[in-house]
């Protein structure tokens, strides 16, 4: 089965939002649904969602805020990129499948080998300006980047029975990896929020230090969430990523 391309989203985030507006349209409240951008979910029979659908969906709460006068556009931007990478497994039909996946997998973390992995580095930058009237420095624009890559197995030469078992395993493993992607997406939006909400400060050096400190706090929190997620799901096994074949 040849799968469509990867998913790239560029989301304009409102600049200033009232407390009511922020509650009404936090983009990360809807972020989990972007998991359907990954075309692999067509394996699960979900073919009605596309990257374009999700772009429209994510734009709705932001557009509503603009119409209500709760926000001004153009101050910040969150850019999400999700790519897929596969490693091939030449399957022996008379041998258990899962050990073959592990042997072929290039994914190793702390000397433990896994069959799937999500890499999700987050970066950010911002521009600031010293106000000639107030003498204070404030952030005038910011961008947050998430460049994620999900690595998954692809089997070659398997029997029909092995293919059926693998497809069930693959769907559950992908669901688990999309959970990692969702945590990263939530973090990207949280960092964007911190940068957007930074108050003016007396010096630009102080502003830069405080803004980066807040962003790194959110990044550190995401590492804890990832560890907790893997512990609670036993690296996806409790989500069905178990291959008994």
Protein backbone atom coordinates (compact mmCIF):
# COMPACT_ATOMS: atom_id res chain seq x y z
CA UNK A 1 0.00 0.00 0.00
CA UNK A 2 1.53 3.30 -1.06
CA UNK A 3 0.77 6.05 1.40
CA UNK A 4 0.29 9.77 0.61
CA UNK A 5 2.79 12.41 1.62
CA UNK A 6 3.65 13.95 4.95
CA UNK A 7 1.75 16.65 6.79
CA UNK A 8 2.87 20.27 7.11
CA UNK A 9 0.84 22.85 9.00
CA UNK A 10 1.47 26.58 9.39
CA UNK A 11 -0.82 28.09 12.00
CA UNK A 12 -1.22 31.81 12.67
CA UNK A 13 -1.83 32.36 16.35
CA UNK A 14 -3.62 35.49 17.63
CA UNK A 15 -1.46 38.18 19.14
CA UNK A 16 -3.49 39.44 22.10
CA UNK A 17 -6.38 37.47 23.51
CA UNK A 18 -8.70 38.28 26.41
CA UNK A 19 -9.13 35.67 29.14
CA UNK A 20 -12.45 34.66 27.62
CA UNK A 21 -10.90 34.39 24.17
CA UNK A 22 -7.97 32.35 25.41
CA UNK A 23 -10.32 29.88 27.07
CA UNK A 24 -12.47 29.67 23.97
CA UNK A 25 -9.80 29.00 21.41
CA UNK A 26 -6.64 27.47 22.78
CA UNK A 27 -5.29 25.65 19.70
CA UNK A 28 -3.71 22.88 21.74
CA UNK A 29 -7.17 21.87 23.02
CA UNK A 30 -7.77 20.61 19.47
CA UNK A 31 -4.28 19.39 18.69
CA UNK A 32 -4.93 15.68 19.20
CA UNK A 33 -7.14 15.67 16.13
CA UNK A 34 -4.16 16.56 13.96
CA UNK A 35 -3.11 12.95 14.43
CA UNK A 36 -5.39 12.20 11.49
CA UNK A 37 -3.05 14.21 9.28
CA UNK A 38 -0.85 11.13 9.25
CA UNK A 39 -2.04 9.30 6.17
CA UNK A 40 -1.19 5.96 7.76
CA UNK A 41 -4.47 6.23 9.67
CA UNK A 42 -6.19 5.23 6.47
CA UNK A 43 -5.15 1.73 7.50
CA UNK A 44 -7.72 2.10 10.28
CA UNK A 45 -10.48 2.88 7.79
CA UNK A 46 -10.40 6.61 8.51
CA UNK A 47 -10.23 8.26 5.10
CA UNK A 48 -12.37 11.36 5.69
CA UNK A 49 -9.62 13.40 7.33
CA UNK A 50 -6.78 15.10 5.52
CA UNK A 51 -4.15 17.73 6.25
CA UNK A 52 -6.41 20.30 4.59
CA UNK A 53 -9.31 19.27 6.82
CA UNK A 54 -7.15 19.72 9.88
CA UNK A 55 -5.86 23.10 8.70
CA UNK A 56 -9.45 24.24 8.38
CA UNK A 57 -10.36 22.76 11.75
CA UNK A 58 -7.48 24.46 13.55
CA UNK A 59 -8.23 27.75 11.84
CA UNK A 60 -11.85 27.82 13.03
CA UNK A 61 -11.30 28.79 16.69
CA UNK A 62 -8.70 31.38 15.66
CA UNK A 63 -10.97 32.88 13.02
CA UNK A 64 -13.80 33.02 15.54
CA UNK A 65 -11.62 35.00 17.89
CA UNK A 66 -10.81 37.49 15.13
CA UNK A 67 -14.49 37.93 14.28
CA UNK A 68 -15.33 38.56 17.93
CA UNK A 69 -12.55 41.11 18.20
CA UNK A 70 -10.74 39.08 20.82
CA UNK A 71 -7.44 38.90 18.97
CA UNK A 72 -5.17 40.59 16.49
CA UNK A 73 -3.48 38.43 13.82
CA UNK A 74 0.14 38.24 12.83
CA UNK A 75 2.16 38.36 16.01
CA UNK A 76 3.09 34.72 16.37
CA UNK A 77 3.26 31.59 14.30
CA UNK A 78 3.42 27.88 15.08
CA UNK A 79 4.85 25.71 12.31
CA UNK A 80 4.24 21.96 12.53
CA UNK A 81 5.99 19.46 10.32
CA UNK A 82 5.44 15.70 10.51
CA UNK A 83 7.48 13.30 8.40
CA UNK A 84 7.53 9.53 8.24
CA UNK A 85 10.45 7.18 7.90
CA UNK A 86 10.34 3.41 7.45
CA UNK A 87 12.82 0.61 7.97
CA UNK A 88 12.28 -2.61 6.02
CA UNK A 89 12.03 -6.04 7.59
CA UNK A 90 12.57 -9.07 5.36
CA UNK A 91 10.31 -11.58 7.08
CA UNK A 92 10.92 -15.28 7.53
CA UNK A 93 7.50 -16.93 7.36
CA UNK A 94 8.33 -19.80 9.72
CA UNK A 95 9.63 -17.63 12.57
CA UNK A 96 7.93 -15.36 15.17
CA UNK A 97 7.43 -11.89 13.72
CA UNK A 98 8.11 -9.56 16.64
CA UNK A 99 11.73 -10.70 17.25
CA UNK A 100 12.37 -10.12 13.55
CA UNK A 101 11.11 -6.55 13.84
CA UNK A 102 13.35 -5.90 16.81
CA UNK A 103 16.43 -7.32 15.08
CA UNK A 104 15.83 -5.15 12.01
CA UNK A 105 14.98 -1.98 13.95
CA UNK A 106 17.56 0.83 13.95
CA UNK A 107 15.89 2.39 17.02
CA UNK A 108 17.85 2.09 20.26
CA UNK A 109 17.32 4.13 23.42
CA UNK A 110 19.54 3.50 26.46
CA UNK A 111 20.56 0.10 25.08
CA UNK A 112 16.91 -0.94 24.60
CA UNK A 113 15.62 -1.60 21.10
CA UNK A 114 12.15 -0.45 20.01
CA UNK A 115 10.05 -0.98 16.90
CA UNK A 116 8.75 2.60 16.63
CA UNK A 117 10.03 6.05 17.57
CA UNK A 118 9.00 9.70 17.41
CA UNK A 119 11.64 12.39 17.15
CA UNK A 120 10.10 15.80 17.89
CA UNK A 121 12.60 18.64 18.39
CA UNK A 122 11.10 22.07 19.08
CA UNK A 123 12.79 25.38 18.34
CA UNK A 124 11.64 28.97 18.66
CA UNK A 125 12.75 32.48 17.86
CA UNK A 126 11.35 35.94 18.53
CA UNK A 127 11.97 39.58 17.75
CA UNK A 128 11.76 42.41 20.25
CA UNK A 129 11.73 46.19 20.15
CA UNK A 130 12.58 48.97 22.59
CA UNK A 131 9.67 51.38 22.88
CA UNK A 132 10.92 54.96 22.47
CA UNK A 133 8.10 56.35 24.63
CA UNK A 134 7.95 53.90 27.56
CA UNK A 135 11.60 52.88 27.42
CA UNK A 136 10.52 49.24 27.81
CA UNK A 137 11.40 46.28 25.60
CA UNK A 138 8.66 44.00 24.29
CA UNK A 139 8.34 41.00 21.96
CA UNK A 140 6.80 42.02 18.63
CA UNK A 141 6.76 38.65 16.85
CA UNK A 142 7.61 35.01 17.49
CA UNK A 143 7.78 31.67 15.72
CA UNK A 144 7.77 28.17 17.16
CA UNK A 145 8.86 25.18 15.07
CA UNK A 146 8.06 21.50 15.57
CA UNK A 147 9.85 19.19 13.13
CA UNK A 148 8.69 15.69 14.01
CA UNK A 149 9.58 12.37 12.45
CA UNK A 150 7.93 9.03 13.17
CA UNK A 151 9.93 5.90 12.37
CA UNK A 152 7.93 2.72 11.75
CA UNK A 153 8.54 -0.81 10.42
CA UNK A 154 7.57 -2.03 6.97
CA UNK A 155 7.49 -5.79 6.33
CA UNK A 156 8.49 -7.57 3.12
CA UNK A 157 7.76 -11.16 2.09
CA UNK A 158 5.29 -11.92 4.88
CA UNK A 159 2.46 -14.44 4.72
CA UNK A 160 -1.17 -13.31 4.78
CA UNK A 161 -1.44 -14.38 8.40
CA UNK A 162 1.65 -12.36 9.32
CA UNK A 163 0.38 -9.34 7.37
CA UNK A 164 -2.94 -9.36 9.23
CA UNK A 165 -1.22 -9.60 12.59
CA UNK A 166 1.28 -6.92 11.63
CA UNK A 167 -1.43 -4.50 10.49
CA UNK A 168 -3.15 -4.71 13.87
CA UNK A 169 0.16 -4.17 15.64
CA UNK A 170 1.13 -1.34 13.29
CA UNK A 171 -2.13 0.57 13.91
CA UNK A 172 -1.70 0.37 17.68
CA UNK A 173 1.98 1.29 17.54
CA UNK A 174 1.22 4.26 15.31
CA UNK A 175 -1.50 5.38 17.71
CA UNK A 176 1.09 5.31 20.48
CA UNK A 177 3.64 7.29 18.47
CA UNK A 178 0.98 9.85 17.56
CA UNK A 179 0.54 10.35 21.30
CA UNK A 180 4.18 11.42 21.45
CA UNK A 181 3.55 13.78 18.55
CA UNK A 182 0.53 15.22 20.37
CA UNK A 183 2.62 15.94 23.47
CA UNK A 184 5.16 17.75 21.28
CA UNK A 185 2.41 19.72 19.56
CA UNK A 186 0.91 20.75 22.87
CA UNK A 187 4.36 21.88 23.98
CA UNK A 188 4.90 23.93 20.82
CA UNK A 189 1.66 25.80 21.43
CA UNK A 190 2.50 26.24 25.12
CA UNK A 191 5.86 27.78 24.21
CA UNK A 192 4.13 30.05 21.72
CA UNK A 193 1.74 31.15 24.45
CA UNK A 194 4.60 31.96 26.83
CA UNK A 195 6.37 34.07 24.21
CA UNK A 196 3.18 35.87 23.23
CA UNK A 197 2.23 36.58 26.85
CA UNK A 198 5.62 37.98 27.92
CA UNK A 199 5.14 41.45 29.48
CA UNK A 200 7.41 44.38 28.50
CA UNK A 201 10.61 44.66 30.54
CA UNK A 202 13.11 47.35 31.36
CA UNK A 203 15.88 45.91 29.19
CA UNK A 204 15.91 43.71 26.10
CA UNK A 205 18.54 41.47 27.66
CA UNK A 206 16.21 40.80 30.59
CA UNK A 207 13.31 40.14 28.21
CA UNK A 208 15.34 37.70 26.12
CA UNK A 209 16.52 35.82 29.20
CA UNK A 210 13.03 35.56 30.70
CA UNK A 211 11.38 34.52 27.43
CA UNK A 212 13.89 31.74 26.79
CA UNK A 213 13.64 30.62 30.41
CA UNK A 214 9.85 30.24 30.13
CA UNK A 215 10.16 28.34 26.85
CA UNK A 216 12.75 25.96 28.31
CA UNK A 217 10.47 25.34 31.30
CA UNK A 218 7.72 24.18 28.96
CA UNK A 219 10.22 22.03 27.06
CA UNK A 220 11.42 20.41 30.28
CA UNK A 221 7.82 19.72 31.29
CA UNK A 222 7.29 17.89 27.99
CA UNK A 223 10.18 15.52 28.75
CA UNK A 224 8.44 14.52 31.98
CA UNK A 225 5.15 14.04 30.11
CA UNK A 226 6.85 11.77 27.58
CA UNK A 227 8.34 9.58 30.31
CA UNK A 228 5.01 9.39 32.11
CA UNK A 229 3.18 8.57 28.88
CA UNK A 230 5.54 5.67 28.14
CA UNK A 231 5.27 4.40 31.71
CA UNK A 232 1.46 4.52 31.73
CA UNK A 233 1.16 2.81 28.34
CA UNK A 234 4.17 0.51 28.79
CA UNK A 235 5.55 1.93 25.56
CA UNK A 236 2.28 1.29 23.75
CA UNK A 237 1.68 -2.28 24.88
CA UNK A 238 -1.39 -1.29 26.89
CA UNK A 239 -2.65 0.49 23.76
CA UNK A 240 -2.58 -2.76 21.84
CA UNK A 241 0.94 -2.60 20.39
CA UNK A 242 1.52 -6.28 21.07
CA UNK A 243 2.43 -8.68 18.30
CA UNK A 244 1.54 -12.30 18.98
CA UNK A 245 2.66 -13.95 15.80
